[in-house]
């Protein structure tokens, strides 16, 4: 059976990225921007701060963040076995 995406809130997603050194750099309305600088490269991820984030949005955040952190670190946090 294929892996299923977890149901996550915006705050859940924010706390996942904060574990990897991202900090809240900007917030406006219901969206916030998390960023960190690694080897002179600024890495930015935008996360909606909703109580329930749509599965497609979670997948998009996952895909956009894997170049920064790698599949092996993120997959267990975003997908169920």
PDB file of N, CA and C in Angstrom:
ATOM      1  N   UNK A   1       0.838  -1.173   0.000  1.00  0.00           N
ATOM      2  CA  UNK A   1       0.000   0.000   0.000  1.00  0.00           C
ATOM      3  C   UNK A   1       0.893   1.249   0.000  1.00  0.00           C
ATOM      4  N   UNK A   2       0.579   2.239  -0.832  1.00  0.00           N
ATOM      5  CA  UNK A   2       1.411   3.435  -0.898  1.00  0.00           C
ATOM      6  C   UNK A   2       1.299   4.261   0.382  1.00  0.00           C
ATOM      7  N   UNK A   3       2.315   5.073   0.624  1.00  0.00           N
ATOM      8  CA  UNK A   3       2.302   5.955   1.785  1.00  0.00           C
ATOM      9  C   UNK A   3       1.227   7.015   1.623  1.00  0.00           C
ATOM     10  N   UNK A   4       0.613   7.382   2.753  1.00  0.00           N
ATOM     11  CA  UNK A   4      -0.418   8.417   2.734  1.00  0.00           C
ATOM     12  C   UNK A   4       0.111   9.666   3.428  1.00  0.00           C
ATOM     13  N   UNK A   5      -0.304  10.808   2.917  1.00  0.00           N
ATOM     14  CA  UNK A   5       0.108  12.085   3.499  1.00  0.00           C
ATOM     15  C   UNK A   5      -0.587  12.258   4.847  1.00  0.00           C
ATOM     16  N   UNK A   6       0.116  12.797   5.818  1.00  0.00           N
ATOM     17  CA  UNK A   6      -0.461  13.026   7.149  1.00  0.00           C
ATOM     18  C   UNK A   6      -1.374  14.247   7.130  1.00  0.00           C
ATOM     19  N   UNK A   7      -2.339  14.284   8.021  1.00  0.00           N
ATOM     20  CA  UNK A   7      -3.154  15.479   8.240  1.00  0.00           C
ATOM     21  C   UNK A   7      -2.375  16.373   9.198  1.00  0.00           C
ATOM     22  N   UNK A   8      -2.023  17.557   8.748  1.00  0.00           N
ATOM     23  CA  UNK A   8      -1.213  18.470   9.550  1.00  0.00           C
ATOM     24  C   UNK A   8      -1.841  19.853   9.583  1.00  0.00           C
ATOM     25  N   UNK A   9      -1.647  20.553  10.682  1.00  0.00           N
ATOM     26  CA  UNK A   9      -2.054  21.952  10.766  1.00  0.00           C
ATOM     27  C   UNK A   9      -0.860  22.815  10.361  1.00  0.00           C
ATOM     28  N   UNK A  10      -1.114  24.085  10.157  1.00  0.00           N
ATOM     29  CA  UNK A  10      -0.023  24.995   9.832  1.00  0.00           C
ATOM     30  C   UNK A  10       1.020  25.038  10.936  1.00  0.00           C
ATOM     31  N   UNK A  11       0.566  25.030  12.193  1.00  0.00           N
ATOM     32  CA  UNK A  11       1.500  25.048  13.318  1.00  0.00           C
ATOM     33  C   UNK A  11       2.328  23.767  13.385  1.00  0.00           C
ATOM     34  N   UNK A  12       1.729  22.622  13.008  1.00  0.00           N
ATOM     35  CA  UNK A  12       2.485  21.363  12.951  1.00  0.00           C
ATOM     36  C   UNK A  12       3.625  21.472  11.935  1.00  0.00           C
ATOM     37  N   UNK A  13       3.313  22.019  10.767  1.00  0.00           N
ATOM     38  CA  UNK A  13       4.315  22.153   9.703  1.00  0.00           C
ATOM     39  C   UNK A  13       5.417  23.123  10.129  1.00  0.00           C
ATOM     40  N   UNK A  14       5.030  24.218  10.760  1.00  0.00           N
ATOM     41  CA  UNK A  14       6.012  25.198  11.232  1.00  0.00           C
ATOM     42  C   UNK A  14       6.967  24.552  12.231  1.00  0.00           C
ATOM     43  N   UNK A  15       6.431  23.773  13.157  1.00  0.00           N
ATOM     44  CA  UNK A  15       7.300  23.142  14.164  1.00  0.00           C
ATOM     45  C   UNK A  15       8.236  22.107  13.536  1.00  0.00           C
ATOM     46  N   UNK A  16       7.794  21.430  12.467  1.00  0.00           N
ATOM     47  CA  UNK A  16       8.677  20.496  11.756  1.00  0.00           C
ATOM     48  C   UNK A  16       9.901  21.243  11.226  1.00  0.00           C
ATOM     49  N   UNK A  17       9.665  22.377  10.567  1.00  0.00           N
ATOM     50  CA  UNK A  17      10.781  23.106   9.970  1.00  0.00           C
ATOM     51  C   UNK A  17      11.641  23.810  11.012  1.00  0.00           C
ATOM     52  N   UNK A  18      11.060  24.206  12.126  1.00  0.00           N
ATOM     53  CA  UNK A  18      11.859  24.821  13.187  1.00  0.00           C
ATOM     54  C   UNK A  18      12.860  23.828  13.775  1.00  0.00           C
ATOM     55  N   UNK A  19      12.536  22.542  13.757  1.00  0.00           N
ATOM     56  CA  UNK A  19      13.475  21.515  14.223  1.00  0.00           C
ATOM     57  C   UNK A  19      14.734  21.470  13.359  1.00  0.00           C
ATOM     58  N   UNK A  20      14.618  21.926  12.121  1.00  0.00           N
ATOM     59  CA  UNK A  20      15.741  21.917  11.185  1.00  0.00           C
ATOM     60  C   UNK A  20      16.406  23.290  11.059  1.00  0.00           C
ATOM     61  N   UNK A  21      16.117  24.193  11.982  1.00  0.00           N
ATOM     62  CA  UNK A  21      16.798  25.481  12.011  1.00  0.00           C
ATOM     63  C   UNK A  21      16.105  26.615  11.291  1.00  0.00           C
ATOM     64  N   UNK A  22      14.910  26.401  10.761  1.00  0.00           N
ATOM     65  CA  UNK A  22      14.164  27.484  10.132  1.00  0.00           C
ATOM     66  C   UNK A  22      13.562  28.365  11.224  1.00  0.00           C
ATOM     67  N   UNK A  23      13.539  29.663  10.977  1.00  0.00           N
ATOM     68  CA  UNK A  23      12.930  30.596  11.921  1.00  0.00           C
ATOM     69  C   UNK A  23      11.837  31.382  11.217  1.00  0.00           C
ATOM     70  N   UNK A  24      10.878  31.835  11.984  1.00  0.00           N
ATOM     71  CA  UNK A  24       9.782  32.633  11.451  1.00  0.00           C
ATOM     72  C   UNK A  24      10.337  34.002  11.098  1.00  0.00           C
ATOM     73  N   UNK A  25      10.369  34.328   9.808  1.00  0.00           N
ATOM     74  CA  UNK A  25      10.963  35.591   9.387  1.00  0.00           C
ATOM     75  C   UNK A  25       9.926  36.640   9.013  1.00  0.00           C
ATOM     76  N   UNK A  26       8.707  36.211   8.694  1.00  0.00           N
ATOM     77  CA  UNK A  26       7.679  37.168   8.289  1.00  0.00           C
ATOM     78  C   UNK A  26       6.324  36.505   8.406  1.00  0.00           C
ATOM     79  N   UNK A  27       5.338  37.270   8.809  1.00  0.00           N
ATOM     80  CA  UNK A  27       3.981  36.749   8.891  1.00  0.00           C
ATOM     81  C   UNK A  27       3.007  37.849   8.502  1.00  0.00           C
ATOM     82  N   UNK A  28       2.081  37.501   7.619  1.00  0.00           N
ATOM     83  CA  UNK A  28       1.063  38.462   7.205  1.00  0.00           C
ATOM     84  C   UNK A  28      -0.219  37.691   6.967  1.00  0.00           C
ATOM     85  N   UNK A  29      -1.262  38.075   7.647  1.00  0.00           N
ATOM     86  CA  UNK A  29      -2.526  37.365   7.505  1.00  0.00           C
ATOM     87  C   UNK A  29      -2.388  35.952   8.025  1.00  0.00           C
ATOM     88  N   UNK A  30      -2.800  34.990   7.222  1.00  0.00           N
ATOM     89  CA  UNK A  30      -2.766  33.595   7.667  1.00  0.00           C
ATOM     90  C   UNK A  30      -1.574  32.818   7.114  1.00  0.00           C
ATOM     91  N   UNK A  31      -0.596  33.513   6.556  1.00  0.00           N
ATOM     92  CA  UNK A  31       0.585  32.837   6.013  1.00  0.00           C
ATOM     93  C   UNK A  31       1.843  33.362   6.693  1.00  0.00           C
ATOM     94  N   UNK A  32       2.809  32.477   6.843  1.00  0.00           N
ATOM     95  CA  UNK A  32       4.082  32.911   7.408  1.00  0.00           C
ATOM     96  C   UNK A  32       5.227  32.362   6.565  1.00  0.00           C
ATOM     97  N   UNK A  33       6.325  33.067   6.653  1.00  0.00           N
ATOM     98  CA  UNK A  33       7.515  32.717   5.889  1.00  0.00           C
ATOM     99  C   UNK A  33       8.581  32.253   6.870  1.00  0.00           C
ATOM    100  N   UNK A  34       9.098  31.047   6.628  1.00  0.00           N
ATOM    101  CA  UNK A  34      10.181  30.496   7.429  1.00  0.00           C
ATOM    102  C   UNK A  34      11.447  30.553   6.598  1.00  0.00           C
ATOM    103  N   UNK A  35      12.559  30.896   7.227  1.00  0.00           N
ATOM    104  CA  UNK A  35      13.802  30.975   6.455  1.00  0.00           C
ATOM    105  C   UNK A  35      14.991  30.551   7.305  1.00  0.00           C
ATOM    106  N   UNK A  36      16.063  30.201   6.604  1.00  0.00           N
ATOM    107  CA  UNK A  36      17.357  29.918   7.213  1.00  0.00           C
ATOM    108  C   UNK A  36      18.416  30.150   6.148  1.00  0.00           C
ATOM    109  N   UNK A  37      19.649  30.359   6.583  1.00  0.00           N
ATOM    110  CA  UNK A  37      20.765  30.549   5.659  1.00  0.00           C
ATOM    111  C   UNK A  37      21.749  29.408   5.884  1.00  0.00           C
ATOM    112  N   UNK A  38      22.021  28.653   4.832  1.00  0.00           N
ATOM    113  CA  UNK A  38      22.964  27.537   4.863  1.00  0.00           C
ATOM    114  C   UNK A  38      24.001  27.757   3.762  1.00  0.00           C
ATOM    115  N   UNK A  39      25.266  27.801   4.142  1.00  0.00           N
ATOM    116  CA  UNK A  39      26.367  28.003   3.185  1.00  0.00           C
ATOM    117  C   UNK A  39      26.137  29.225   2.299  1.00  0.00           C
ATOM    118  N   UNK A  40      25.633  30.305   2.879  1.00  0.00           N
ATOM    119  CA  UNK A  40      25.398  31.536   2.143  1.00  0.00           C
ATOM    120  C   UNK A  40      24.142  31.539   1.292  1.00  0.00           C
ATOM    121  N   UNK A  41      23.400  30.438   1.280  1.00  0.00           N
ATOM    122  CA  UNK A  41      22.169  30.337   0.489  1.00  0.00           C
ATOM    123  C   UNK A  41      20.962  30.508   1.410  1.00  0.00           C
ATOM    124  N   UNK A  42      20.088  31.450   1.074  1.00  0.00           N
ATOM    125  CA  UNK A  42      18.874  31.662   1.863  1.00  0.00           C
ATOM    126  C   UNK A  42      17.801  30.689   1.386  1.00  0.00           C
ATOM    127  N   UNK A  43      17.268  29.924   2.321  1.00  0.00           N
ATOM    128  CA  UNK A  43      16.222  28.951   2.020  1.00  0.00           C
ATOM    129  C   UNK A  43      14.921  29.451   2.646  1.00  0.00           C
ATOM    130  N   UNK A  44      13.867  29.528   1.838  1.00  0.00           N
ATOM    131  CA  UNK A  44      12.597  30.102   2.286  1.00  0.00           C
ATOM    132  C   UNK A  44      11.460  29.133   1.995  1.00  0.00           C
ATOM    133  N   UNK A  45      10.574  28.987   2.970  1.00  0.00           N
ATOM    134  CA  UNK A  45       9.382  28.154   2.820  1.00  0.00           C
ATOM    135  C   UNK A  45       8.195  28.962   3.333  1.00  0.00           C
ATOM    136  N   UNK A  46       7.117  29.007   2.554  1.00  0.00           N
ATOM    137  CA  UNK A  46       5.895  29.699   2.959  1.00  0.00           C
ATOM    138  C   UNK A  46       4.884  28.654   3.419  1.00  0.00           C
ATOM    139  N   UNK A  47       4.300  28.895   4.600  1.00  0.00           N
ATOM    140  CA  UNK A  47       3.372  27.937   5.197  1.00  0.00           C
ATOM    141  C   UNK A  47       2.087  28.658   5.585  1.00  0.00           C
ATOM    142  N   UNK A  48       0.915  28.117   5.192  1.00  0.00           N
ATOM    143  CA  UNK A  48      -0.341  28.697   5.663  1.00  0.00           C
ATOM    144  C   UNK A  48      -0.553  28.319   7.122  1.00  0.00           C
ATOM    145  N   UNK A  49      -1.005  29.256   7.904  1.00  0.00           N
ATOM    146  CA  UNK A  49      -1.208  29.000   9.335  1.00  0.00           C
ATOM    147  C   UNK A  49      -2.690  28.718   9.571  1.00  0.00           C
ATOM    148  N   UNK A  50      -3.152  27.607   9.008  1.00  0.00           N
ATOM    149  CA  UNK A  50      -4.549  27.203   9.129  1.00  0.00           C
ATOM    150  C   UNK A  50      -4.651  26.031  10.096  1.00  0.00           C
ATOM    151  N   UNK A  51      -5.811  25.863  10.740  1.00  0.00           N
ATOM    152  CA  UNK A  51      -5.984  24.720  11.646  1.00  0.00           C
ATOM    153  C   UNK A  51      -5.873  23.384  10.917  1.00  0.00           C
ATOM    154  N   UNK A  52      -6.267  23.365   9.661  1.00  0.00           N
ATOM    155  CA  UNK A  52      -6.188  22.159   8.846  1.00  0.00           C
ATOM    156  C   UNK A  52      -5.704  22.572   7.457  1.00  0.00           C
ATOM    157  N   UNK A  53      -4.557  22.061   7.050  1.00  0.00           N
ATOM    158  CA  UNK A  53      -3.987  22.401   5.743  1.00  0.00           C
ATOM    159  C   UNK A  53      -4.386  21.305   4.757  1.00  0.00           C
ATOM    160  N   UNK A  54      -4.820  21.703   3.565  1.00  0.00           N
ATOM    161  CA  UNK A  54      -5.249  20.752   2.536  1.00  0.00           C
ATOM    162  C   UNK A  54      -4.103  19.813   2.159  1.00  0.00           C
ATOM    163  N   UNK A  55      -4.458  18.563   1.847  1.00  0.00           N
ATOM    164  CA  UNK A  55      -3.456  17.539   1.517  1.00  0.00           C
ATOM    165  C   UNK A  55      -2.583  17.964   0.329  1.00  0.00           C
ATOM    166  N   UNK A  56      -3.187  18.574  -0.681  1.00  0.00           N
ATOM    167  CA  UNK A  56      -2.415  19.034  -1.839  1.00  0.00           C
ATOM    168  C   UNK A  56      -1.418  20.120  -1.472  1.00  0.00           C
ATOM    169  N   UNK A  57      -1.794  20.987  -0.549  1.00  0.00           N
ATOM    170  CA  UNK A  57      -0.895  22.039  -0.079  1.00  0.00           C
ATOM    171  C   UNK A  57       0.259  21.435   0.713  1.00  0.00           C
ATOM    172  N   UNK A  58      -0.039  20.431   1.539  1.00  0.00           N
ATOM    173  CA  UNK A  58       1.008  19.748   2.307  1.00  0.00           C
ATOM    174  C   UNK A  58       1.999  19.081   1.354  1.00  0.00           C
ATOM    175  N   UNK A  59       1.489  18.429   0.310  1.00  0.00           N
ATOM    176  CA  UNK A  59       2.369  17.796  -0.682  1.00  0.00           C
ATOM    177  C   UNK A  59       3.252  18.834  -1.373  1.00  0.00           C
ATOM    178  N   UNK A  60       2.684  19.989  -1.687  1.00  0.00           N
ATOM    179  CA  UNK A  60       3.439  21.045  -2.348  1.00  0.00           C
ATOM    180  C   UNK A  60       4.552  21.575  -1.438  1.00  0.00           C
ATOM    181  N   UNK A  61       4.250  21.780  -0.168  1.00  0.00           N
ATOM    182  CA  UNK A  61       5.263  22.234   0.789  1.00  0.00           C
ATOM    183  C   UNK A  61       6.364  21.184   0.905  1.00  0.00           C
ATOM    184  N   UNK A  62       5.974  19.921   0.956  1.00  0.00           N
ATOM    185  CA  UNK A  62       6.941  18.813   1.027  1.00  0.00           C
ATOM    186  C   UNK A  62       7.868  18.823  -0.193  1.00  0.00           C
ATOM    187  N   UNK A  63       7.286  18.926  -1.397  1.00  0.00           N
ATOM    188  CA  UNK A  63       8.087  18.914  -2.633  1.00  0.00           C
ATOM    189  C   UNK A  63       9.038  20.113  -2.703  1.00  0.00           C
ATOM    190  N   UNK A  64       8.564  21.279  -2.261  1.00  0.00           N
ATOM    191  CA  UNK A  64       9.400  22.480  -2.326  1.00  0.00           C
ATOM    192  C   UNK A  64      10.519  22.466  -1.290  1.00  0.00           C
ATOM    193  N   UNK A  65      10.339  21.712  -0.213  1.00  0.00           N
ATOM    194  CA  UNK A  65      11.341  21.711   0.850  1.00  0.00           C
ATOM    195  C   UNK A  65      12.335  20.552   0.763  1.00  0.00           C
ATOM    196  N   UNK A  66      12.042  19.526  -0.035  1.00  0.00           N
ATOM    197  CA  UNK A  66      12.975  18.395  -0.128  1.00  0.00           C
ATOM    198  C   UNK A  66      14.351  18.780  -0.690  1.00  0.00           C
ATOM    199  N   UNK A  67      14.477  19.746  -1.602  1.00  0.00           N
ATOM    200  CA  UNK A  67      15.836  20.122  -2.020  1.00  0.00           C
ATOM    201  C   UNK A  67      16.672  20.687  -0.859  1.00  0.00           C
ATOM    202  N   UNK A  68      16.019  21.281   0.126  1.00  0.00           N
ATOM    203  CA  UNK A  68      16.721  21.857   1.272  1.00  0.00           C
ATOM    204  C   UNK A  68      17.103  20.803   2.307  1.00  0.00           C
ATOM    205  N   UNK A  69      16.209  19.844   2.560  1.00  0.00           N
ATOM    206  CA  UNK A  69      16.398  18.919   3.678  1.00  0.00           C
ATOM    207  C   UNK A  69      16.566  17.464   3.275  1.00  0.00           C
ATOM    208  N   UNK A  70      16.120  17.101   2.105  1.00  0.00           N
ATOM    209  CA  UNK A  70      16.227  15.716   1.652  1.00  0.00           C
ATOM    210  C   UNK A  70      15.005  14.889   2.012  1.00  0.00           C
ATOM    211  N   UNK A  71      14.720  13.924   1.163  1.00  0.00           N
ATOM    212  CA  UNK A  71      13.554  13.054   1.329  1.00  0.00           C
ATOM    213  C   UNK A  71      13.662  12.234   2.605  1.00  0.00           C
ATOM    214  N   UNK A  72      14.864  11.717   2.900  1.00  0.00           N
ATOM    215  CA  UNK A  72      15.023  10.822   4.050  1.00  0.00           C
ATOM    216  C   UNK A  72      14.687  11.502   5.378  1.00  0.00           C
ATOM    217  N   UNK A  73      14.867  12.808   5.485  1.00  0.00           N
ATOM    218  CA  UNK A  73      14.527  13.523   6.724  1.00  0.00           C
ATOM    219  C   UNK A  73      13.051  13.896   6.781  1.00  0.00           C
ATOM    220  N   UNK A  74      12.481  14.268   5.638  1.00  0.00           N
ATOM    221  CA  UNK A  74      11.117  14.799   5.629  1.00  0.00           C
ATOM    222  C   UNK A  74      10.024  13.751   5.485  1.00  0.00           C
ATOM    223  N   UNK A  75      10.278  12.695   4.734  1.00  0.00           N
ATOM    224  CA  UNK A  75       9.223  11.719   4.445  1.00  0.00           C
ATOM    225  C   UNK A  75       8.568  11.148   5.703  1.00  0.00           C
ATOM    226  N   UNK A  76       9.320  10.750   6.740  1.00  0.00           N
ATOM    227  CA  UNK A  76       8.659  10.213   7.938  1.00  0.00           C
ATOM    228  C   UNK A  76       7.787  11.241   8.667  1.00  0.00           C
ATOM    229  N   UNK A  77       8.069  12.530   8.465  1.00  0.00           N
ATOM    230  CA  UNK A  77       7.312  13.577   9.140  1.00  0.00           C
ATOM    231  C   UNK A  77       6.050  13.976   8.375  1.00  0.00           C
ATOM    232  N   UNK A  78       6.055  13.777   7.052  1.00  0.00           N
ATOM    233  CA  UNK A  78       4.930  14.179   6.216  1.00  0.00           C
ATOM    234  C   UNK A  78       4.051  13.015   5.762  1.00  0.00           C
ATOM    235  N   UNK A  79       4.599  11.794   5.759  1.00  0.00           N
ATOM    236  CA  UNK A  79       3.860  10.632   5.256  1.00  0.00           C
ATOM    237  C   UNK A  79       3.741   9.546   6.319  1.00  0.00           C
ATOM    238  N   UNK A  80       2.620   8.811   6.270  1.00  0.00           N
ATOM    239  CA  UNK A  80       2.409   7.651   7.134  1.00  0.00           C
ATOM    240  C   UNK A  80       2.841   6.407   6.365  1.00  0.00           C
ATOM    241  N   UNK A  81       3.342   5.418   7.062  1.00  0.00           N
ATOM    242  CA  UNK A  81       3.725   4.156   6.409  1.00  0.00           C
ATOM    243  C   UNK A  81       2.522   3.309   6.099  1.00  0.00           C
TER     244      UNK A  81
END
